[in-house]
N, C-alpha and C. Protein backbone atom coordinates (compact mmCIF):
# COMPACT_ATOMS: atom_id res chain seq x y z
N MET A 1 0.84 -1.17 0.00
CA MET A 1 0.00 0.00 0.00
C MET A 1 0.89 1.23 0.00
N SER A 2 0.69 2.13 -0.93
CA SER A 2 1.52 3.33 -1.02
C SER A 2 0.75 4.53 -0.47
N TYR A 3 1.53 5.48 -0.02
CA TYR A 3 0.96 6.70 0.55
C TYR A 3 1.02 7.80 -0.49
N GLN A 4 -0.10 8.49 -0.68
CA GLN A 4 -0.13 9.59 -1.64
C GLN A 4 -0.36 10.88 -0.86
N ALA A 5 0.59 11.79 -0.95
CA ALA A 5 0.47 13.06 -0.24
C ALA A 5 -0.57 13.94 -0.93
N HIS A 6 -1.30 14.67 -0.14
CA HIS A 6 -2.33 15.56 -0.68
C HIS A 6 -1.75 16.96 -0.83
N SER A 7 -2.18 17.64 -1.86
CA SER A 7 -1.68 18.99 -2.13
C SER A 7 -2.37 19.99 -1.21
N PRO A 8 -1.77 21.18 -1.03
CA PRO A 8 -2.42 22.22 -0.22
C PRO A 8 -3.80 22.62 -0.77
N ALA A 9 -3.98 22.54 -2.07
CA ALA A 9 -5.29 22.87 -2.65
C ALA A 9 -6.35 21.87 -2.20
N GLU A 10 -5.97 20.59 -2.13
CA GLU A 10 -6.91 19.57 -1.67
C GLU A 10 -7.24 19.76 -0.19
N TRP A 11 -6.23 20.14 0.60
CA TRP A 11 -6.49 20.42 2.01
C TRP A 11 -7.43 21.61 2.16
N ALA A 12 -7.20 22.66 1.37
CA ALA A 12 -8.06 23.84 1.43
C ALA A 12 -9.49 23.49 1.03
N GLN A 13 -9.66 22.62 0.04
CA GLN A 13 -11.00 22.21 -0.38
C GLN A 13 -11.71 21.47 0.76
N MET A 14 -11.01 20.60 1.43
CA MET A 14 -11.64 19.83 2.50
C MET A 14 -11.98 20.71 3.70
N VAL A 15 -11.10 21.66 4.03
CA VAL A 15 -11.40 22.58 5.12
C VAL A 15 -12.61 23.43 4.76
N SER A 16 -12.66 23.91 3.52
CA SER A 16 -13.80 24.70 3.07
C SER A 16 -15.08 23.88 3.12
N LEU A 17 -15.02 22.64 2.71
CA LEU A 17 -16.19 21.77 2.75
C LEU A 17 -16.64 21.53 4.19
N ALA A 18 -15.70 21.34 5.10
CA ALA A 18 -16.05 21.11 6.50
C ALA A 18 -16.71 22.34 7.11
N VAL A 19 -16.17 23.52 6.83
CA VAL A 19 -16.75 24.76 7.36
C VAL A 19 -18.14 24.98 6.79
N THR A 20 -18.32 24.71 5.51
CA THR A 20 -19.62 24.87 4.88
C THR A 20 -20.64 23.91 5.48
N ALA A 21 -20.26 22.67 5.66
CA ALA A 21 -21.17 21.68 6.25
C ALA A 21 -21.54 22.06 7.68
N TYR A 22 -20.56 22.50 8.45
CA TYR A 22 -20.82 22.93 9.83
C TYR A 22 -21.79 24.10 9.85
N GLY A 23 -21.58 25.07 8.96
CA GLY A 23 -22.46 26.23 8.90
C GLY A 23 -23.87 25.85 8.48
N ALA A 24 -23.99 24.96 7.51
CA ALA A 24 -25.32 24.55 7.03
C ALA A 24 -26.10 23.83 8.11
N VAL A 25 -25.42 23.08 8.96
CA VAL A 25 -26.10 22.36 10.03
C VAL A 25 -26.36 23.29 11.22
N SER A 26 -25.45 24.23 11.47
CA SER A 26 -25.54 25.07 12.66
C SER A 26 -26.55 26.20 12.55
N VAL A 27 -26.74 26.74 11.37
CA VAL A 27 -27.63 27.91 11.24
C VAL A 27 -29.04 27.61 11.73
N PRO A 28 -29.69 26.54 11.29
CA PRO A 28 -31.04 26.28 11.83
C PRO A 28 -31.03 26.05 13.34
N TYR A 29 -30.00 25.38 13.83
CA TYR A 29 -29.92 25.13 15.27
C TYR A 29 -29.82 26.44 16.03
N PHE A 30 -28.89 27.32 15.63
CA PHE A 30 -28.70 28.57 16.36
C PHE A 30 -29.88 29.53 16.19
N LEU A 31 -30.64 29.40 15.13
CA LEU A 31 -31.84 30.21 14.99
C LEU A 31 -32.94 29.75 15.94
N ALA A 32 -32.99 28.47 16.22
CA ALA A 32 -34.08 27.94 17.02
C ALA A 32 -33.72 27.73 18.49
N VAL A 33 -32.46 27.69 18.85
CA VAL A 33 -32.08 27.31 20.20
C VAL A 33 -32.47 28.35 21.24
N ASP A 34 -32.39 29.63 20.90
CA ASP A 34 -32.69 30.68 21.88
C ASP A 34 -33.74 31.62 21.30
N ALA A 35 -34.70 31.09 20.59
CA ALA A 35 -35.68 31.92 19.92
C ALA A 35 -36.92 32.10 20.79
N ASP A 36 -37.45 33.31 20.78
CA ASP A 36 -38.72 33.62 21.40
C ASP A 36 -39.69 34.00 20.30
N LEU A 37 -40.96 34.04 20.66
CA LEU A 37 -41.97 34.41 19.68
C LEU A 37 -41.77 35.85 19.21
N LYS A 38 -41.28 36.72 20.11
CA LYS A 38 -41.09 38.13 19.73
C LYS A 38 -39.94 38.29 18.71
N ASP A 39 -39.04 37.30 18.61
CA ASP A 39 -37.98 37.37 17.61
C ASP A 39 -38.52 37.26 16.20
N PHE A 40 -39.68 36.63 16.05
CA PHE A 40 -40.28 36.43 14.74
C PHE A 40 -41.51 37.32 14.55
N ASP A 41 -41.52 38.46 15.22
CA ASP A 41 -42.65 39.39 15.15
C ASP A 41 -42.68 40.04 13.77
N PRO A 42 -43.77 39.89 13.01
CA PRO A 42 -43.81 40.44 11.66
C PRO A 42 -44.07 41.95 11.62
N ARG A 43 -44.43 42.55 12.77
CA ARG A 43 -44.68 43.99 12.78
C ARG A 43 -43.37 44.75 12.56
N PRO A 44 -43.43 45.94 11.99
CA PRO A 44 -42.20 46.72 11.80
C PRO A 44 -41.61 47.14 13.15
N ALA A 45 -40.37 47.53 13.12
CA ALA A 45 -39.65 47.88 14.35
C ALA A 45 -40.29 49.08 15.05
N LEU A 46 -40.86 50.02 14.31
CA LEU A 46 -41.47 51.18 14.92
C LEU A 46 -42.71 50.82 15.71
N ALA A 47 -43.39 49.74 15.35
CA ALA A 47 -44.58 49.32 16.06
C ALA A 47 -44.22 48.64 17.38
N ARG A 48 -43.00 48.18 17.52
CA ARG A 48 -42.57 47.56 18.76
C ARG A 48 -42.18 48.65 19.75
N SER A 49 -41.65 48.24 20.87
CA SER A 49 -41.30 49.20 21.92
C SER A 49 -40.03 49.98 21.61
N GLU A 50 -39.30 49.60 20.57
CA GLU A 50 -38.06 50.29 20.23
C GLU A 50 -38.40 51.58 19.47
N SER A 51 -37.78 52.66 19.87
CA SER A 51 -37.99 53.91 19.15
C SER A 51 -36.69 54.32 18.46
N PRO A 52 -36.78 55.05 17.39
CA PRO A 52 -35.56 55.48 16.69
C PRO A 52 -34.67 56.37 17.56
N LEU A 53 -35.30 57.17 18.41
CA LEU A 53 -34.52 58.05 19.29
C LEU A 53 -33.70 57.23 20.29
N TRP A 54 -34.32 56.19 20.85
CA TRP A 54 -33.60 55.34 21.79
C TRP A 54 -32.45 54.61 21.09
N GLN A 55 -32.70 54.11 19.88
CA GLN A 55 -31.66 53.40 19.15
C GLN A 55 -30.51 54.35 18.81
N ALA A 56 -30.83 55.59 18.47
CA ALA A 56 -29.78 56.58 18.19
C ALA A 56 -28.95 56.85 19.43
N ALA A 57 -29.60 56.91 20.58
CA ALA A 57 -28.87 57.13 21.83
C ALA A 57 -27.96 55.95 22.15
N VAL A 58 -28.45 54.75 21.91
CA VAL A 58 -27.63 53.55 22.16
C VAL A 58 -26.43 53.53 21.21
N ASN A 59 -26.67 53.83 19.93
CA ASN A 59 -25.56 53.87 18.96
C ASN A 59 -24.54 54.93 19.32
N THR A 60 -25.01 56.09 19.78
CA THR A 60 -24.09 57.15 20.19
C THR A 60 -23.25 56.71 21.38
N GLY A 61 -23.88 56.01 22.33
CA GLY A 61 -23.13 55.49 23.48
C GLY A 61 -22.05 54.51 23.06
N HIS A 62 -22.37 53.64 22.11
CA HIS A 62 -21.36 52.70 21.62
C HIS A 62 -20.22 53.45 20.92
N ASP A 63 -20.56 54.47 20.15
CA ASP A 63 -19.52 55.23 19.45
C ASP A 63 -18.61 55.96 20.45
N VAL A 64 -19.20 56.52 21.50
CA VAL A 64 -18.40 57.21 22.52
C VAL A 64 -17.48 56.21 23.23
N ASN A 65 -18.00 55.04 23.58
CA ASN A 65 -17.16 54.02 24.23
C ASN A 65 -16.01 53.60 23.32
N ARG A 66 -16.29 53.45 22.04
CA ARG A 66 -15.25 53.06 21.08
C ARG A 66 -14.19 54.16 20.98
N ALA A 67 -14.63 55.42 20.96
CA ALA A 67 -13.67 56.53 20.87
C ALA A 67 -12.81 56.62 22.13
N ILE A 68 -13.40 56.40 23.28
CA ILE A 68 -12.63 56.44 24.53
C ILE A 68 -11.60 55.31 24.54
N GLY A 69 -12.00 54.11 24.14
CA GLY A 69 -11.06 52.99 24.10
C GLY A 69 -9.92 53.23 23.14
N THR A 70 -10.24 53.81 21.97
CA THR A 70 -9.19 54.11 20.99
C THR A 70 -8.23 55.15 21.55
N GLY A 71 -8.78 56.17 22.20
CA GLY A 71 -7.93 57.20 22.80
C GLY A 71 -7.01 56.63 23.86
N GLN A 72 -7.52 55.72 24.68
CA GLN A 72 -6.67 55.10 25.70
C GLN A 72 -5.55 54.29 25.09
N ARG A 73 -5.86 53.55 24.01
CA ARG A 73 -4.81 52.77 23.35
C ARG A 73 -3.75 53.69 22.72
N VAL A 74 -4.18 54.79 22.12
CA VAL A 74 -3.23 55.72 21.51
C VAL A 74 -2.34 56.35 22.58
N ILE A 75 -2.92 56.72 23.71
CA ILE A 75 -2.13 57.32 24.79
C ILE A 75 -1.12 56.32 25.33
N LYS A 76 -1.53 55.06 25.53
CA LYS A 76 -0.58 54.04 26.00
C LYS A 76 0.56 53.86 25.01
N HIS A 77 0.24 53.85 23.71
CA HIS A 77 1.26 53.69 22.69
C HIS A 77 2.23 54.87 22.70
N CYS A 78 1.71 56.09 22.84
CA CYS A 78 2.56 57.28 22.85
C CYS A 78 3.45 57.31 24.09
N VAL A 79 2.92 56.89 25.23
CA VAL A 79 3.73 56.85 26.46
C VAL A 79 4.86 55.83 26.32
N LYS A 80 4.53 54.67 25.75
CA LYS A 80 5.54 53.65 25.56
C LYS A 80 6.64 54.13 24.61
N ARG A 81 6.23 54.80 23.51
CA ARG A 81 7.21 55.30 22.55
C ARG A 81 8.06 56.42 23.16
N SER A 82 7.45 57.30 23.95
CA SER A 82 8.21 58.40 24.52
C SER A 82 9.17 57.91 25.61
N ALA A 83 8.84 56.82 26.28
CA ALA A 83 9.75 56.25 27.28
C ALA A 83 10.97 55.64 26.62
N ALA A 84 10.81 55.13 25.40
CA ALA A 84 11.93 54.51 24.69
C ALA A 84 12.73 55.52 23.87
N ALA A 85 12.26 56.75 23.74
CA ALA A 85 12.93 57.74 22.89
C ALA A 85 14.35 58.09 23.36
N PRO A 86 14.60 58.33 24.66
CA PRO A 86 15.98 58.65 25.06
C PRO A 86 16.97 57.52 24.75
N ARG A 87 16.56 56.29 24.95
CA ARG A 87 17.45 55.16 24.65
C ARG A 87 17.75 55.11 23.16
N GLU A 88 16.71 55.26 22.34
CA GLU A 88 16.92 55.24 20.90
C GLU A 88 17.82 56.38 20.45
N ALA A 89 17.65 57.55 21.06
CA ALA A 89 18.50 58.69 20.72
C ALA A 89 19.95 58.43 21.11
N GLY A 90 20.16 57.80 22.25
CA GLY A 90 21.52 57.48 22.69
C GLY A 90 22.20 56.48 21.77
N VAL A 91 21.47 55.46 21.35
CA VAL A 91 22.03 54.47 20.43
C VAL A 91 22.36 55.13 19.09
N SER A 92 21.48 55.99 18.61
CA SER A 92 21.74 56.68 17.34
C SER A 92 22.95 57.60 17.45
N LEU A 93 23.07 58.30 18.57
CA LEU A 93 24.22 59.20 18.77
C LEU A 93 25.52 58.40 18.84
N ALA A 94 25.52 57.27 19.53
CA ALA A 94 26.72 56.44 19.62
C ALA A 94 27.11 55.92 18.24
N ALA A 95 26.16 55.51 17.44
CA ALA A 95 26.46 55.03 16.10
C ALA A 95 27.00 56.16 15.24
N LEU A 96 26.44 57.34 15.37
CA LEU A 96 26.91 58.49 14.60
C LEU A 96 28.34 58.86 15.00
N LEU A 97 28.63 58.83 16.29
CA LEU A 97 29.99 59.15 16.75
C LEU A 97 31.00 58.12 16.24
N LEU A 98 30.62 56.86 16.22
CA LEU A 98 31.51 55.83 15.69
C LEU A 98 31.77 56.03 14.20
N LEU A 99 30.75 56.44 13.46
CA LEU A 99 30.92 56.67 12.03
C LEU A 99 31.79 57.89 11.75
N LEU A 100 31.66 58.92 12.56
CA LEU A 100 32.39 60.17 12.30
C LEU A 100 33.79 60.17 12.90
N SER A 101 34.11 59.21 13.76
CA SER A 101 35.41 59.24 14.46
C SER A 101 36.57 58.79 13.57
N GLY A 102 36.31 58.08 12.53
CA GLY A 102 37.38 57.69 11.64
C GLY A 102 37.75 56.22 11.81
N PRO A 103 38.57 55.72 10.88
CA PRO A 103 38.90 54.29 10.91
C PRO A 103 39.85 53.90 12.03
N GLU A 104 40.67 54.85 12.56
CA GLU A 104 41.64 54.47 13.58
C GLU A 104 40.98 54.13 14.92
N VAL A 105 39.81 54.64 15.19
CA VAL A 105 39.14 54.35 16.44
C VAL A 105 38.44 53.01 16.40
N THR A 106 37.96 52.63 15.25
CA THR A 106 37.17 51.41 15.14
C THR A 106 38.02 50.15 15.02
N ARG A 107 39.37 50.26 15.01
CA ARG A 107 40.24 49.08 14.90
C ARG A 107 40.32 48.30 16.15
C-alpha cells in the first residue's frame, strides 16, 4: 500500500467543505435554540417598543465608548514610545559618533 500526499489545494478544499457543512447544520440550530416568539414578530420595528430616538442614543453610546477605548490605546502607545525615545536617541548618537570618528578608532 503506497501513501499519496495531498496537495495544499486539496487540504483547502476539504477545510472549506467542512466549514460549509458545519455552517449549514448550525444555522437552523442557532436560529431555534434561543428563539422567542417576539424574535419572529412580523410587525415593523417602529410598532414595537423600540424607538428610533432610543436606538440613536444607544448607537451614540457605543460610538463614545469606542472613541474612549481608541484614545486610551493611543495614549498608551505614545507613552511607551516616549519612554523609549531617550534610549533610541543614545544608540543613534553612539552610532553616529563611531561613524564620524574615523577608521583608527574602530580598529
